[in-house]
All heavy atoms as atom14 arrays in JSON, in Angstrom:
{
  "sequence": "SVKGRFTISRDNAKNTVYLQMNRLKPEDTAVYYCNAKRIIAYWGQGT",
  "atom14_mask": [
    [1, 1, 1, 1, 1, 1, 0, 0, 0, 0, 0, 0, 0, 0],
    [1, 1, 1, 1, 1, 1, 1, 0, 0, 0, 0, 0, 0, 0],
    [1, 1, 1, 1, 1, 1, 1, 1, 1, 0, 0, 0, 0, 0],
    [1, 1, 1, 1, 0, 0, 0, 0, 0, 0, 0, 0, 0, 0],
    [1, 1, 1, 1, 1, 1, 1, 1, 1, 1, 1, 0, 0, 0],
    [1, 1, 1, 1, 1, 1, 1, 1, 1, 1, 1, 0, 0, 0],
    [1, 1, 1, 1, 1, 1, 1, 0, 0, 0, 0, 0, 0, 0],
    [1, 1, 1, 1, 1, 1, 1, 1, 0, 0, 0, 0, 0, 0],
    [1, 1, 1, 1, 1, 1, 0, 0, 0, 0, 0, 0, 0, 0],
    [1, 1, 1, 1, 1, 1, 1, 1, 1, 1, 1, 0, 0, 0],
    [1, 1, 1, 1, 1, 1, 1, 1, 0, 0, 0, 0, 0, 0],
    [1, 1, 1, 1, 1, 1, 1, 1, 0, 0, 0, 0, 0, 0],
    [1, 1, 1, 1, 1, 0, 0, 0, 0, 0, 0, 0, 0, 0],
    [1, 1, 1, 1, 1, 1, 1, 1, 1, 0, 0, 0, 0, 0],
    [1, 1, 1, 1, 1, 1, 1, 1, 0, 0, 0, 0, 0, 0],
    [1, 1, 1, 1, 1, 1, 1, 0, 0, 0, 0, 0, 0, 0],
    [1, 1, 1, 1, 1, 1, 1, 0, 0, 0, 0, 0, 0, 0],
    [1, 1, 1, 1, 1, 1, 1, 1, 1, 1, 1, 1, 0, 0],
    [1, 1, 1, 1, 1, 1, 1, 1, 0, 0, 0, 0, 0, 0],
    [1, 1, 1, 1, 1, 1, 1, 1, 1, 0, 0, 0, 0, 0],
    [1, 1, 1, 1, 1, 1, 1, 1, 0, 0, 0, 0, 0, 0],
    [1, 1, 1, 1, 1, 1, 1, 1, 0, 0, 0, 0, 0, 0],
    [1, 1, 1, 1, 1, 1, 1, 1, 1, 1, 1, 0, 0, 0],
    [1, 1, 1, 1, 1, 1, 1, 1, 0, 0, 0, 0, 0, 0],
    [1, 1, 1, 1, 1, 1, 1, 1, 1, 0, 0, 0, 0, 0],
    [1, 1, 1, 1, 1, 1, 1, 0, 0, 0, 0, 0, 0, 0],
    [1, 1, 1, 1, 1, 1, 1, 1, 1, 0, 0, 0, 0, 0],
    [1, 1, 1, 1, 1, 1, 1, 1, 0, 0, 0, 0, 0, 0],
    [1, 1, 1, 1, 1, 1, 1, 0, 0, 0, 0, 0, 0, 0],
    [1, 1, 1, 1, 1, 0, 0, 0, 0, 0, 0, 0, 0, 0],
    [1, 1, 1, 1, 1, 1, 1, 0, 0, 0, 0, 0, 0, 0],
    [1, 1, 1, 1, 1, 1, 1, 1, 1, 1, 1, 1, 0, 0],
    [1, 1, 1, 1, 1, 1, 1, 1, 1, 1, 1, 1, 0, 0],
    [1, 1, 1, 1, 1, 1, 0, 0, 0, 0, 0, 0, 0, 0],
    [1, 1, 1, 1, 1, 1, 1, 1, 0, 0, 0, 0, 0, 0],
    [1, 1, 1, 1, 1, 0, 0, 0, 0, 0, 0, 0, 0, 0],
    [1, 1, 1, 1, 1, 1, 1, 1, 1, 0, 0, 0, 0, 0],
    [1, 1, 1, 1, 1, 1, 1, 1, 1, 1, 1, 0, 0, 0],
    [1, 1, 1, 1, 1, 1, 1, 1, 0, 0, 0, 0, 0, 0],
    [1, 1, 1, 1, 1, 1, 1, 1, 0, 0, 0, 0, 0, 0],
    [1, 1, 1, 1, 1, 0, 0, 0, 0, 0, 0, 0, 0, 0],
    [1, 1, 1, 1, 1, 1, 1, 1, 1, 1, 1, 1, 0, 0],
    [1, 1, 1, 1, 1, 1, 1, 1, 1, 1, 1, 1, 1, 1],
    [1, 1, 1, 1, 0, 0, 0, 0, 0, 0, 0, 0, 0, 0],
    [1, 1, 1, 1, 1, 1, 1, 1, 1, 0, 0, 0, 0, 0],
    [1, 1, 1, 1, 0, 0, 0, 0, 0, 0, 0, 0, 0, 0],
    [1, 1, 1, 1, 1, 1, 1, 0, 0, 0, 0, 0, 0, 0]
  ],
  "atom14_positions": [
    [[87.25, 90.54, 109.42], [86.53, 90.72, 110.66], [86.81, 92.12, 111.31], [86.09, 92.56, 112.2], [86.89, 89.62, 111.69], [88.27, 89.63, 111.89], [0.0, 0.0, 0.0], [0.0, 0.0, 0.0], [0.0, 0.0, 0.0], [0.0, 0.0, 0.0], [0.0, 0.0, 0.0], [0.0, 0.0, 0.0], [0.0, 0.0, 0.0], [0.0, 0.0, 0.0]],
    [[87.86, 92.79, 110.84], [88.18, 94.1, 111.43], [88.03, 95.24, 110.45], [88.26, 96.43, 110.81], [89.58, 94.08, 112.1], [89.75, 92.93, 113.06], [90.68, 94.15, 111.04], [0.0, 0.0, 0.0], [0.0, 0.0, 0.0], [0.0, 0.0, 0.0], [0.0, 0.0, 0.0], [0.0, 0.0, 0.0], [0.0, 0.0, 0.0], [0.0, 0.0, 0.0]],
    [[87.79, 94.95, 109.22], [87.61, 95.98, 108.31], [86.52, 96.98, 108.65], [85.46, 96.66, 109.09], [87.28, 95.41, 106.85], [88.43, 94.78, 106.18], [88.05, 94.21, 104.86], [89.25, 93.54, 104.13], [88.81, 92.97, 102.8], [0.0, 0.0, 0.0], [0.0, 0.0, 0.0], [0.0, 0.0, 0.0], [0.0, 0.0, 0.0], [0.0, 0.0, 0.0]],
    [[86.86, 98.3, 108.55], [85.98, 99.41, 108.96], [86.09, 99.67, 110.43], [85.47, 100.71, 110.9], [0.0, 0.0, 0.0], [0.0, 0.0, 0.0], [0.0, 0.0, 0.0], [0.0, 0.0, 0.0], [0.0, 0.0, 0.0], [0.0, 0.0, 0.0], [0.0, 0.0, 0.0], [0.0, 0.0, 0.0], [0.0, 0.0, 0.0], [0.0, 0.0, 0.0]],
    [[86.8, 98.92, 111.18], [86.88, 99.2, 112.66], [88.33, 99.45, 113.04], [88.56, 100.22, 113.98], [86.35, 97.98, 113.5], [84.89, 97.64, 113.23], [84.36, 96.59, 114.19], [85.05, 95.33, 114.08], [85.7, 94.79, 115.09], [85.81, 95.32, 116.31], [86.3, 93.6, 114.87], [0.0, 0.0, 0.0], [0.0, 0.0, 0.0], [0.0, 0.0, 0.0]],
    [[89.27, 98.76, 112.49], [90.68, 98.91, 112.82], [91.4, 99.7, 111.71], [91.1, 99.57, 110.57], [91.38, 97.56, 113.0], [90.9, 96.76, 114.17], [89.82, 97.14, 114.94], [91.66, 95.63, 114.55], [89.46, 96.33, 116.01], [91.26, 94.88, 115.59], [90.23, 95.24, 116.36], [0.0, 0.0, 0.0], [0.0, 0.0, 0.0], [0.0, 0.0, 0.0]],
    [[92.42, 100.46, 112.11], [93.23, 101.17, 111.17], [94.77, 101.02, 111.6], [95.12, 101.3, 112.7], [92.86, 102.67, 111.16], [91.56, 102.86, 110.9], [93.76, 103.42, 110.12], [0.0, 0.0, 0.0], [0.0, 0.0, 0.0], [0.0, 0.0, 0.0], [0.0, 0.0, 0.0], [0.0, 0.0, 0.0], [0.0, 0.0, 0.0], [0.0, 0.0, 0.0]],
    [[95.49, 100.56, 110.68], [96.92, 100.47, 110.88], [97.62, 101.61, 110.26], [97.21, 102.09, 109.21], [97.55, 99.15, 110.32], [99.0, 98.99, 110.76], [97.39, 99.01, 108.89], [99.57, 97.57, 110.47], [0.0, 0.0, 0.0], [0.0, 0.0, 0.0], [0.0, 0.0, 0.0], [0.0, 0.0, 0.0], [0.0, 0.0, 0.0], [0.0, 0.0, 0.0]],
    [[98.65, 102.19, 110.91], [99.44, 103.28, 110.36], [100.86, 103.16, 110.87], [101.16, 102.46, 111.78], [98.77, 104.63, 110.76], [98.8, 104.81, 112.18], [0.0, 0.0, 0.0], [0.0, 0.0, 0.0], [0.0, 0.0, 0.0], [0.0, 0.0, 0.0], [0.0, 0.0, 0.0], [0.0, 0.0, 0.0], [0.0, 0.0, 0.0], [0.0, 0.0, 0.0]],
    [[101.73, 103.9, 110.19], [103.11, 103.92, 110.62], [103.67, 105.36, 110.58], [103.31, 106.17, 109.72], [103.93, 102.97, 109.71], [104.08, 103.45, 108.33], [104.63, 102.2, 107.44], [106.0, 101.86, 107.89], [106.59, 100.74, 107.6], [105.93, 99.81, 106.88], [107.86, 100.4, 108.03], [0.0, 0.0, 0.0], [0.0, 0.0, 0.0], [0.0, 0.0, 0.0]],
    [[104.54, 105.63, 111.52], [105.24, 106.98, 111.55], [106.78, 106.58, 111.42], [107.34, 106.17, 112.46], [104.93, 107.73, 112.81], [105.5, 109.07, 112.88], [106.54, 109.3, 112.2], [105.02, 109.87, 113.61], [0.0, 0.0, 0.0], [0.0, 0.0, 0.0], [0.0, 0.0, 0.0], [0.0, 0.0, 0.0], [0.0, 0.0, 0.0], [0.0, 0.0, 0.0]],
    [[107.32, 106.74, 110.23], [108.72, 106.3, 110.02], [109.65, 107.28, 110.83], [110.75, 106.78, 111.13], [108.98, 106.31, 108.52], [108.32, 105.16, 107.79], [108.02, 104.13, 108.4], [108.07, 105.35, 106.53], [0.0, 0.0, 0.0], [0.0, 0.0, 0.0], [0.0, 0.0, 0.0], [0.0, 0.0, 0.0], [0.0, 0.0, 0.0], [0.0, 0.0, 0.0]],
    [[109.25, 108.43, 111.05], [110.1, 109.34, 111.79], [110.25, 108.92, 113.28], [111.25, 109.18, 113.89], [109.55, 110.76, 111.72], [0.0, 0.0, 0.0], [0.0, 0.0, 0.0], [0.0, 0.0, 0.0], [0.0, 0.0, 0.0], [0.0, 0.0, 0.0], [0.0, 0.0, 0.0], [0.0, 0.0, 0.0], [0.0, 0.0, 0.0], [0.0, 0.0, 0.0]],
    [[109.17, 108.29, 113.75], [109.22, 107.84, 115.18], [109.5, 106.3, 115.29], [109.42, 105.74, 116.39], [107.86, 108.12, 115.82], [107.65, 109.61, 115.96], [106.27, 109.88, 116.68], [106.07, 111.34, 116.84], [104.77, 111.61, 117.56], [0.0, 0.0, 0.0], [0.0, 0.0, 0.0], [0.0, 0.0, 0.0], [0.0, 0.0, 0.0], [0.0, 0.0, 0.0]],
    [[109.72, 105.64, 114.11], [109.97, 104.18, 114.13], [108.8, 103.4, 114.84], [109.13, 102.49, 115.67], [111.25, 103.89, 114.76], [112.44, 104.15, 113.82], [112.3, 104.69, 112.76], [113.67, 103.76, 114.32], [0.0, 0.0, 0.0], [0.0, 0.0, 0.0], [0.0, 0.0, 0.0], [0.0, 0.0, 0.0], [0.0, 0.0, 0.0], [0.0, 0.0, 0.0]],
    [[107.58, 103.81, 114.58], [106.49, 103.28, 115.36], [105.34, 102.91, 114.37], [105.09, 103.66, 113.39], [105.94, 104.3, 116.33], [107.05, 104.61, 117.26], [104.79, 103.71, 117.18], [0.0, 0.0, 0.0], [0.0, 0.0, 0.0], [0.0, 0.0, 0.0], [0.0, 0.0, 0.0], [0.0, 0.0, 0.0], [0.0, 0.0, 0.0], [0.0, 0.0, 0.0]],
    [[104.65, 101.84, 114.67], [103.49, 101.45, 113.92], [102.32, 101.34, 114.96], [102.57, 100.98, 116.07], [103.67, 100.07, 113.19], [103.97, 98.93, 114.15], [102.5, 99.77, 112.27], [0.0, 0.0, 0.0], [0.0, 0.0, 0.0], [0.0, 0.0, 0.0], [0.0, 0.0, 0.0], [0.0, 0.0, 0.0], [0.0, 0.0, 0.0], [0.0, 0.0, 0.0]],
    [[101.18, 101.75, 114.47], [100.0, 101.87, 115.39], [98.84, 100.99, 114.87], [98.83, 100.67, 113.65], [99.49, 103.28, 115.45], [100.52, 104.32, 115.83], [101.25, 105.06, 114.92], [100.81, 104.51, 117.2], [102.17, 105.96, 115.29], [101.76, 105.44, 117.6], [102.4, 106.19, 116.63], [103.4, 107.14, 117.05], [0.0, 0.0, 0.0], [0.0, 0.0, 0.0]],
    [[98.0, 100.59, 115.79], [96.76, 99.92, 115.4], [95.69, 100.62, 116.22], [95.61, 100.39, 117.41], [96.79, 98.41, 115.74], [95.59, 97.63, 115.23], [95.48, 97.64, 113.73], [95.6, 96.23, 115.75], [0.0, 0.0, 0.0], [0.0, 0.0, 0.0], [0.0, 0.0, 0.0], [0.0, 0.0, 0.0], [0.0, 0.0, 0.0], [0.0, 0.0, 0.0]],
    [[94.84, 101.43, 115.53], [93.69, 102.03, 116.15], [92.55, 101.08, 116.05], [92.22, 100.7, 114.93], [93.37, 103.34, 115.4], [92.16, 104.03, 115.93], [92.36, 104.52, 117.41], [93.36, 105.17, 117.76], [91.32, 104.31, 118.25], [0.0, 0.0, 0.0], [0.0, 0.0, 0.0], [0.0, 0.0, 0.0], [0.0, 0.0, 0.0], [0.0, 0.0, 0.0]],
    [[92.0, 100.72, 117.19], [90.91, 99.76, 117.16], [89.61, 100.41, 117.72], [89.59, 100.84, 118.95], [91.3, 98.58, 118.06], [92.61, 97.9, 117.63], [93.0, 96.35, 118.56], [93.24, 97.1, 120.22], [0.0, 0.0, 0.0], [0.0, 0.0, 0.0], [0.0, 0.0, 0.0], [0.0, 0.0, 0.0], [0.0, 0.0, 0.0], [0.0, 0.0, 0.0]],
    [[88.63, 100.51, 116.97], [87.41, 101.09, 117.35], [86.24, 100.1, 117.29], [86.38, 99.02, 116.72], [87.03, 102.25, 116.34], [88.02, 103.4, 116.39], [88.66, 103.66, 117.39], [88.26, 104.03, 115.23], [0.0, 0.0, 0.0], [0.0, 0.0, 0.0], [0.0, 0.0, 0.0], [0.0, 0.0, 0.0], [0.0, 0.0, 0.0], [0.0, 0.0, 0.0]],
    [[85.15, 100.42, 118.03], [83.99, 99.55, 118.02], [84.42, 98.14, 118.38], [84.03, 97.19, 117.74], [83.15, 99.62, 116.75], [82.74, 101.03, 116.36], [81.6, 101.08, 115.37], [81.77, 100.21, 114.24], [82.45, 100.52, 113.14], [83.03, 101.68, 113.04], [82.51, 99.66, 112.1], [0.0, 0.0, 0.0], [0.0, 0.0, 0.0], [0.0, 0.0, 0.0]],
    [[85.14, 97.94, 119.45], [85.68, 96.73, 119.85], [84.6, 95.72, 120.24], [83.54, 96.14, 120.8], [86.75, 96.87, 120.93], [88.11, 97.37, 120.44], [88.92, 97.95, 121.63], [88.92, 96.23, 119.81], [0.0, 0.0, 0.0], [0.0, 0.0, 0.0], [0.0, 0.0, 0.0], [0.0, 0.0, 0.0], [0.0, 0.0, 0.0], [0.0, 0.0, 0.0]],
    [[84.87, 94.47, 119.95], [83.88, 93.43, 120.23], [84.54, 92.43, 121.18], [85.82, 92.3, 121.18], [83.5, 92.69, 118.98], [82.9, 93.58, 117.9], [82.52, 92.81, 116.64], [81.98, 93.71, 115.53], [81.68, 93.01, 114.37], [0.0, 0.0, 0.0], [0.0, 0.0, 0.0], [0.0, 0.0, 0.0], [0.0, 0.0, 0.0], [0.0, 0.0, 0.0]],
    [[83.8, 91.64, 121.99], [84.42, 90.61, 122.78], [85.29, 89.64, 122.01], [86.27, 89.15, 122.51], [83.19, 89.91, 123.41], [82.13, 90.97, 123.48], [82.4, 91.8, 122.24], [0.0, 0.0, 0.0], [0.0, 0.0, 0.0], [0.0, 0.0, 0.0], [0.0, 0.0, 0.0], [0.0, 0.0, 0.0], [0.0, 0.0, 0.0], [0.0, 0.0, 0.0]],
    [[84.95, 89.38, 120.8], [85.78, 88.43, 120.0], [87.09, 88.99, 119.51], [87.9, 88.28, 118.94], [84.94, 87.93, 118.81], [84.31, 89.03, 117.93], [82.86, 89.27, 118.32], [82.55, 89.27, 119.49], [82.05, 89.43, 117.33], [0.0, 0.0, 0.0], [0.0, 0.0, 0.0], [0.0, 0.0, 0.0], [0.0, 0.0, 0.0], [0.0, 0.0, 0.0]],
    [[87.29, 90.29, 119.8], [88.61, 90.88, 119.57], [89.66, 90.58, 120.75], [90.8, 90.91, 120.57], [88.53, 92.37, 119.39], [87.74, 92.78, 118.17], [87.88, 92.14, 117.08], [86.89, 93.7, 118.23], [0.0, 0.0, 0.0], [0.0, 0.0, 0.0], [0.0, 0.0, 0.0], [0.0, 0.0, 0.0], [0.0, 0.0, 0.0], [0.0, 0.0, 0.0]],
    [[89.09, 90.03, 121.8], [89.98, 89.63, 122.87], [91.12, 88.69, 122.49], [90.81, 87.6, 121.92], [89.16, 89.03, 124.03], [88.26, 90.03, 124.5], [90.06, 88.61, 125.17], [0.0, 0.0, 0.0], [0.0, 0.0, 0.0], [0.0, 0.0, 0.0], [0.0, 0.0, 0.0], [0.0, 0.0, 0.0], [0.0, 0.0, 0.0], [0.0, 0.0, 0.0]],
    [[92.27, 89.09, 122.74], [93.48, 88.31, 122.33], [94.79, 89.01, 122.78], [94.72, 90.12, 123.27], [93.55, 88.13, 120.85], [0.0, 0.0, 0.0], [0.0, 0.0, 0.0], [0.0, 0.0, 0.0], [0.0, 0.0, 0.0], [0.0, 0.0, 0.0], [0.0, 0.0, 0.0], [0.0, 0.0, 0.0], [0.0, 0.0, 0.0], [0.0, 0.0, 0.0]],
    [[95.78, 88.26, 122.65], [97.16, 88.95, 122.76], [97.55, 89.43, 121.38], [97.5, 88.64, 120.42], [98.22, 87.97, 123.32], [99.58, 88.68, 123.38], [97.8, 87.42, 124.68], [0.0, 0.0, 0.0], [0.0, 0.0, 0.0], [0.0, 0.0, 0.0], [0.0, 0.0, 0.0], [0.0, 0.0, 0.0], [0.0, 0.0, 0.0], [0.0, 0.0, 0.0]],
    [[97.89, 90.66, 121.29], [98.19, 91.29, 120.03], [99.77, 91.45, 119.9], [100.43, 91.9, 120.78], [97.54, 92.7, 119.87], [96.1, 92.54, 119.55], [95.17, 92.05, 120.45], [95.62, 92.85, 118.29], [93.8, 91.99, 120.17], [94.26, 92.75, 117.96], [93.38, 92.3, 118.99], [92.01, 92.16, 118.61], [0.0, 0.0, 0.0], [0.0, 0.0, 0.0]],
    [[100.28, 90.98, 118.73], [101.72, 90.96, 118.59], [102.09, 91.79, 117.36], [101.42, 91.83, 116.3], [102.22, 89.58, 118.27], [102.02, 88.58, 119.37], [100.92, 87.76, 119.48], [103.05, 88.39, 120.36], [100.73, 86.89, 120.49], [102.84, 87.51, 121.34], [101.72, 86.74, 121.43], [101.54, 85.82, 122.42], [0.0, 0.0, 0.0], [0.0, 0.0, 0.0]],
    [[103.11, 92.58, 117.51], [103.63, 93.33, 116.37], [104.74, 92.45, 115.7], [105.45, 91.72, 116.26], [104.31, 94.58, 116.99], [105.14, 95.67, 115.76], [0.0, 0.0, 0.0], [0.0, 0.0, 0.0], [0.0, 0.0, 0.0], [0.0, 0.0, 0.0], [0.0, 0.0, 0.0], [0.0, 0.0, 0.0], [0.0, 0.0, 0.0], [0.0, 0.0, 0.0]],
    [[104.72, 92.63, 114.36], [105.69, 91.85, 113.54], [106.33, 92.75, 112.51], [105.64, 93.58, 111.9], [104.88, 90.73, 112.82], [105.68, 89.92, 111.83], [105.74, 90.35, 110.67], [106.32, 88.89, 112.27], [0.0, 0.0, 0.0], [0.0, 0.0, 0.0], [0.0, 0.0, 0.0], [0.0, 0.0, 0.0], [0.0, 0.0, 0.0], [0.0, 0.0, 0.0]],
    [[107.63, 92.6, 112.36], [108.44, 93.31, 111.38], [109.08, 92.28, 110.44], [109.7, 91.36, 110.96], [109.41, 94.19, 111.98], [0.0, 0.0, 0.0], [0.0, 0.0, 0.0], [0.0, 0.0, 0.0], [0.0, 0.0, 0.0], [0.0, 0.0, 0.0], [0.0, 0.0, 0.0], [0.0, 0.0, 0.0], [0.0, 0.0, 0.0], [0.0, 0.0, 0.0]],
    [[108.97, 92.51, 109.11], [109.46, 91.55, 108.22], [110.22, 92.21, 106.99], [109.61, 93.03, 106.41], [108.47, 90.55, 107.79], [108.94, 89.44, 106.84], [107.81, 88.33, 106.74], [106.59, 88.85, 106.05], [105.51, 87.82, 105.96], [0.0, 0.0, 0.0], [0.0, 0.0, 0.0], [0.0, 0.0, 0.0], [0.0, 0.0, 0.0], [0.0, 0.0, 0.0]],
    [[111.39, 91.7, 106.7], [111.97, 92.11, 105.46], [112.55, 90.82, 104.82], [111.98, 90.27, 103.9], [113.1, 93.16, 105.6], [113.58, 93.81, 104.34], [114.39, 94.97, 104.61], [115.66, 94.63, 105.33], [116.59, 95.55, 105.62], [116.38, 96.79, 105.33], [117.67, 95.17, 106.27], [0.0, 0.0, 0.0], [0.0, 0.0, 0.0], [0.0, 0.0, 0.0]],
    [[113.63, 90.37, 105.35], [114.12, 89.05, 105.01], [113.82, 88.06, 106.15], [113.35, 86.92, 105.98], [115.61, 89.08, 104.7], [115.87, 89.96, 103.5], [116.11, 87.6, 104.43], [117.33, 90.21, 103.22], [0.0, 0.0, 0.0], [0.0, 0.0, 0.0], [0.0, 0.0, 0.0], [0.0, 0.0, 0.0], [0.0, 0.0, 0.0], [0.0, 0.0, 0.0]],
    [[114.0, 88.51, 107.38], [113.75, 87.8, 108.62], [112.61, 88.46, 109.29], [112.4, 89.69, 109.21], [114.97, 87.79, 109.51], [116.17, 87.14, 108.82], [114.69, 87.05, 110.79], [117.45, 87.15, 109.56], [0.0, 0.0, 0.0], [0.0, 0.0, 0.0], [0.0, 0.0, 0.0], [0.0, 0.0, 0.0], [0.0, 0.0, 0.0], [0.0, 0.0, 0.0]],
    [[111.82, 87.7, 110.0], [110.62, 88.24, 110.73], [110.98, 88.39, 112.21], [111.66, 87.46, 112.78], [109.46, 87.39, 110.61], [0.0, 0.0, 0.0], [0.0, 0.0, 0.0], [0.0, 0.0, 0.0], [0.0, 0.0, 0.0], [0.0, 0.0, 0.0], [0.0, 0.0, 0.0], [0.0, 0.0, 0.0], [0.0, 0.0, 0.0], [0.0, 0.0, 0.0]],
    [[110.54, 89.48, 112.79], [110.83, 89.75, 114.2], [109.48, 89.95, 114.87], [108.52, 90.43, 114.23], [111.63, 91.04, 114.4], [113.05, 90.86, 113.76], [113.24, 91.37, 112.44], [114.12, 90.32, 114.45], [114.51, 91.25, 111.86], [115.34, 90.25, 113.83], [115.49, 90.69, 112.5], [116.8, 90.56, 111.95], [0.0, 0.0, 0.0], [0.0, 0.0, 0.0]],
    [[109.39, 89.6, 116.2], [108.19, 89.69, 116.94], [108.4, 90.5, 118.22], [109.44, 90.43, 118.84], [107.71, 88.26, 117.34], [107.32, 87.43, 116.18], [108.0, 86.56, 115.47], [105.98, 87.43, 115.6], [107.25, 85.94, 114.47], [106.04, 86.42, 114.51], [104.79, 88.04, 115.84], [104.93, 86.17, 113.76], [103.63, 87.75, 115.06], [103.77, 86.86, 113.96]],
    [[107.33, 91.19, 118.64], [107.33, 91.81, 119.89], [106.82, 90.75, 120.96], [106.53, 89.58, 120.66], [0.0, 0.0, 0.0], [0.0, 0.0, 0.0], [0.0, 0.0, 0.0], [0.0, 0.0, 0.0], [0.0, 0.0, 0.0], [0.0, 0.0, 0.0], [0.0, 0.0, 0.0], [0.0, 0.0, 0.0], [0.0, 0.0, 0.0], [0.0, 0.0, 0.0]],
    [[106.72, 91.27, 122.24], [106.46, 90.31, 123.31], [104.91, 90.18, 123.44], [104.49, 89.22, 124.14], [107.02, 90.92, 124.63], [106.21, 91.97, 125.28], [106.3, 93.31, 124.64], [107.08, 93.49, 123.66], [105.58, 94.26, 125.07], [0.0, 0.0, 0.0], [0.0, 0.0, 0.0], [0.0, 0.0, 0.0], [0.0, 0.0, 0.0], [0.0, 0.0, 0.0]],
    [[104.16, 91.05, 122.78], [102.74, 90.93, 122.89], [102.1, 91.79, 123.93], [102.72, 92.13, 124.87], [0.0, 0.0, 0.0], [0.0, 0.0, 0.0], [0.0, 0.0, 0.0], [0.0, 0.0, 0.0], [0.0, 0.0, 0.0], [0.0, 0.0, 0.0], [0.0, 0.0, 0.0], [0.0, 0.0, 0.0], [0.0, 0.0, 0.0], [0.0, 0.0, 0.0]],
    [[100.83, 92.25, 123.69], [100.12, 93.0, 124.65], [98.66, 92.5, 124.67], [98.05, 92.25, 123.58], [100.16, 94.53, 124.28], [99.51, 95.35, 125.3], [99.5, 94.88, 122.94], [0.0, 0.0, 0.0], [0.0, 0.0, 0.0], [0.0, 0.0, 0.0], [0.0, 0.0, 0.0], [0.0, 0.0, 0.0], [0.0, 0.0, 0.0], [0.0, 0.0, 0.0]]
  ]
}
């Protein structure tokens, strides 16, 4: 549902991951959570 509209990227030097969201639709409305996983999964608080 987001292919061609959203782009995920990471900057390891800044310890940051991004989600560029273009051509947004009403159905994209939600709380968005960041997740980090290696052995254990961690979550952000959501935006």
